[in-house]
Amino acid sequence: MKFTLLKAVRQYAEGNIAKHRANVQAYLDHSVAIAEHTDIIDSIGIELKKMAEYEDMLDVLDKYFS
């Protein structure tokens, strides 16, 4: 059970990193087409902060639960 739970948490964090990375890529590739985001720099910063949060989760998993 321990392995299953840790694997699920890892996949959750990795999935969220992938999601926020895709958002950043969309801002970079299609910034003109994203009308509701008038401040693209702030929007990218928010996505990067979210990615960092999930990267921190992975670091803690590796440090304390591997």
N, C-alpha and C. Protein backbone atom coordinates (compact mmCIF):
# COMPACT_ATOMS: atom_id res chain seq x y z
N MET A 1 0.82 -1.20 0.00
CA MET A 1 0.00 0.00 0.00
C MET A 1 0.87 1.27 0.00
N LYS A 2 1.96 1.25 0.77
CA LYS A 2 2.85 2.41 0.84
C LYS A 2 3.36 2.77 -0.56
N PHE A 3 3.82 1.77 -1.30
CA PHE A 3 4.34 2.01 -2.65
C PHE A 3 3.26 2.61 -3.54
N THR A 4 2.05 2.10 -3.46
CA THR A 4 0.94 2.59 -4.30
C THR A 4 0.63 4.05 -3.99
N LEU A 5 0.60 4.39 -2.73
CA LEU A 5 0.30 5.78 -2.34
C LEU A 5 1.41 6.73 -2.78
N LEU A 6 2.66 6.33 -2.56
CA LEU A 6 3.77 7.20 -2.96
C LEU A 6 3.81 7.35 -4.48
N LYS A 7 3.52 6.28 -5.19
CA LYS A 7 3.48 6.36 -6.65
C LYS A 7 2.37 7.30 -7.11
N ALA A 8 1.22 7.23 -6.45
CA ALA A 8 0.10 8.10 -6.82
C ALA A 8 0.44 9.57 -6.58
N VAL A 9 1.09 9.86 -5.46
CA VAL A 9 1.48 11.25 -5.16
C VAL A 9 2.49 11.74 -6.19
N ARG A 10 3.45 10.87 -6.55
CA ARG A 10 4.45 11.24 -7.55
C ARG A 10 3.78 11.54 -8.90
N GLN A 11 2.86 10.68 -9.31
CA GLN A 11 2.17 10.87 -10.59
C GLN A 11 1.31 12.13 -10.56
N TYR A 12 0.71 12.41 -9.42
CA TYR A 12 -0.09 13.63 -9.27
C TYR A 12 0.79 14.87 -9.48
N ALA A 13 1.95 14.89 -8.82
CA ALA A 13 2.85 16.03 -8.94
C ALA A 13 3.39 16.14 -10.37
N GLU A 14 3.80 15.03 -10.95
CA GLU A 14 4.33 15.05 -12.31
C GLU A 14 3.27 15.49 -13.32
N GLY A 15 2.04 15.05 -13.12
CA GLY A 15 0.95 15.46 -14.01
C GLY A 15 0.68 16.96 -13.94
N ASN A 16 0.73 17.50 -12.73
CA ASN A 16 0.51 18.94 -12.57
C ASN A 16 1.67 19.74 -13.15
N ILE A 17 2.87 19.24 -13.02
CA ILE A 17 4.01 19.92 -13.65
C ILE A 17 3.82 19.95 -15.16
N ALA A 18 3.42 18.82 -15.72
CA ALA A 18 3.19 18.76 -17.17
C ALA A 18 2.09 19.73 -17.61
N LYS A 19 1.03 19.81 -16.81
CA LYS A 19 -0.08 20.72 -17.12
C LYS A 19 0.39 22.18 -17.14
N HIS A 20 1.10 22.59 -16.12
CA HIS A 20 1.54 23.98 -16.03
C HIS A 20 2.64 24.29 -17.04
N ARG A 21 3.45 23.31 -17.35
CA ARG A 21 4.46 23.49 -18.40
C ARG A 21 3.78 23.70 -19.75
N ALA A 22 2.73 22.94 -20.02
CA ALA A 22 1.98 23.11 -21.27
C ALA A 22 1.35 24.50 -21.34
N ASN A 23 0.86 24.99 -20.20
CA ASN A 23 0.30 26.34 -20.17
C ASN A 23 1.35 27.38 -20.52
N VAL A 24 2.55 27.25 -19.94
CA VAL A 24 3.63 28.19 -20.26
C VAL A 24 3.96 28.11 -21.74
N GLN A 25 4.06 26.90 -22.25
CA GLN A 25 4.37 26.73 -23.67
C GLN A 25 3.30 27.38 -24.55
N ALA A 26 2.03 27.25 -24.15
CA ALA A 26 0.95 27.89 -24.90
C ALA A 26 1.09 29.41 -24.88
N TYR A 27 1.44 29.97 -23.73
CA TYR A 27 1.66 31.41 -23.65
C TYR A 27 2.79 31.84 -24.59
N LEU A 28 3.85 31.07 -24.60
CA LEU A 28 5.01 31.42 -25.42
C LEU A 28 4.73 31.27 -26.91
N ASP A 29 4.00 30.23 -27.26
CA ASP A 29 3.75 29.94 -28.68
C ASP A 29 2.57 30.70 -29.26
N HIS A 30 1.58 31.03 -28.42
CA HIS A 30 0.33 31.61 -28.92
C HIS A 30 -0.13 32.79 -28.08
N SER A 31 0.77 33.63 -27.67
CA SER A 31 0.41 34.71 -26.76
C SER A 31 -0.60 35.68 -27.37
N VAL A 32 -0.61 35.83 -28.66
CA VAL A 32 -1.57 36.74 -29.30
C VAL A 32 -2.98 36.16 -29.24
N ALA A 33 -3.10 34.86 -29.28
CA ALA A 33 -4.41 34.21 -29.31
C ALA A 33 -5.05 34.09 -27.94
N ILE A 34 -4.33 34.43 -26.88
CA ILE A 34 -4.85 34.28 -25.53
C ILE A 34 -5.32 35.65 -25.04
N ALA A 35 -6.52 36.01 -25.42
CA ALA A 35 -7.03 37.36 -25.17
C ALA A 35 -7.31 37.64 -23.70
N GLU A 36 -7.74 36.64 -22.93
CA GLU A 36 -8.12 36.91 -21.54
C GLU A 36 -6.91 37.11 -20.63
N HIS A 37 -5.71 36.88 -21.13
CA HIS A 37 -4.50 37.07 -20.34
C HIS A 37 -3.75 38.29 -20.88
N THR A 38 -4.12 39.45 -20.34
CA THR A 38 -3.50 40.67 -20.84
C THR A 38 -2.08 40.85 -20.31
N ASP A 39 -1.78 40.26 -19.16
CA ASP A 39 -0.44 40.35 -18.60
C ASP A 39 0.20 38.96 -18.66
N ILE A 40 0.78 38.67 -19.80
CA ILE A 40 1.32 37.34 -20.05
C ILE A 40 2.50 37.05 -19.12
N ILE A 41 3.30 38.03 -18.81
CA ILE A 41 4.44 37.83 -17.92
C ILE A 41 3.97 37.34 -16.55
N ASP A 42 2.96 38.00 -15.99
CA ASP A 42 2.40 37.56 -14.71
C ASP A 42 1.81 36.17 -14.81
N SER A 43 1.11 35.90 -15.90
CA SER A 43 0.50 34.58 -16.09
C SER A 43 1.57 33.49 -16.15
N ILE A 44 2.65 33.76 -16.84
CA ILE A 44 3.75 32.78 -16.91
C ILE A 44 4.37 32.62 -15.52
N GLY A 45 4.54 33.70 -14.80
CA GLY A 45 5.09 33.63 -13.44
C GLY A 45 4.24 32.77 -12.52
N ILE A 46 2.94 32.90 -12.63
CA ILE A 46 2.02 32.08 -11.83
C ILE A 46 2.20 30.61 -12.17
N GLU A 47 2.28 30.30 -13.44
CA GLU A 47 2.46 28.91 -13.87
C GLU A 47 3.79 28.35 -13.37
N LEU A 48 4.85 29.15 -13.43
CA LEU A 48 6.16 28.71 -12.96
C LEU A 48 6.16 28.46 -11.45
N LYS A 49 5.47 29.31 -10.70
CA LYS A 49 5.36 29.11 -9.25
C LYS A 49 4.64 27.80 -8.94
N LYS A 50 3.61 27.51 -9.70
CA LYS A 50 2.89 26.24 -9.49
C LYS A 50 3.79 25.05 -9.82
N MET A 51 4.56 25.18 -10.90
CA MET A 51 5.50 24.11 -11.24
C MET A 51 6.51 23.90 -10.12
N ALA A 52 7.03 24.99 -9.57
CA ALA A 52 8.02 24.91 -8.50
C ALA A 52 7.43 24.23 -7.26
N GLU A 53 6.16 24.50 -6.98
CA GLU A 53 5.50 23.87 -5.83
C GLU A 53 5.48 22.35 -5.99
N TYR A 54 5.15 21.88 -7.19
CA TYR A 54 5.10 20.43 -7.42
C TYR A 54 6.50 19.83 -7.51
N GLU A 55 7.47 20.59 -8.00
CA GLU A 55 8.86 20.13 -7.98
C GLU A 55 9.33 19.95 -6.54
N ASP A 56 8.93 20.87 -5.66
CA ASP A 56 9.27 20.75 -4.25
C ASP A 56 8.67 19.47 -3.65
N MET A 57 7.44 19.17 -4.03
CA MET A 57 6.82 17.93 -3.55
C MET A 57 7.65 16.71 -3.96
N LEU A 58 8.10 16.69 -5.20
CA LEU A 58 8.91 15.58 -5.67
C LEU A 58 10.23 15.51 -4.91
N ASP A 59 10.83 16.65 -4.63
CA ASP A 59 12.08 16.67 -3.87
C ASP A 59 11.88 16.09 -2.47
N VAL A 60 10.78 16.45 -1.83
CA VAL A 60 10.49 15.93 -0.49
C VAL A 60 10.25 14.42 -0.55
N LEU A 61 9.52 13.99 -1.55
CA LEU A 61 9.31 12.54 -1.71
C LEU A 61 10.64 11.81 -1.83
N ASP A 62 11.52 12.33 -2.67
CA ASP A 62 12.81 11.69 -2.88
C ASP A 62 13.67 11.72 -1.62
N LYS A 63 13.63 12.81 -0.90
CA LYS A 63 14.49 12.97 0.27
C LYS A 63 14.02 12.09 1.44
N TYR A 64 12.72 12.03 1.67
CA TYR A 64 12.22 11.38 2.88
C TYR A 64 11.54 10.03 2.66
N PHE A 65 11.16 9.72 1.42
CA PHE A 65 10.36 8.51 1.21
C PHE A 65 10.87 7.60 0.12
N SER A 66 12.15 7.74 -0.28
CA SER A 66 12.63 6.82 -1.31
C SER A 66 13.33 5.62 -0.71
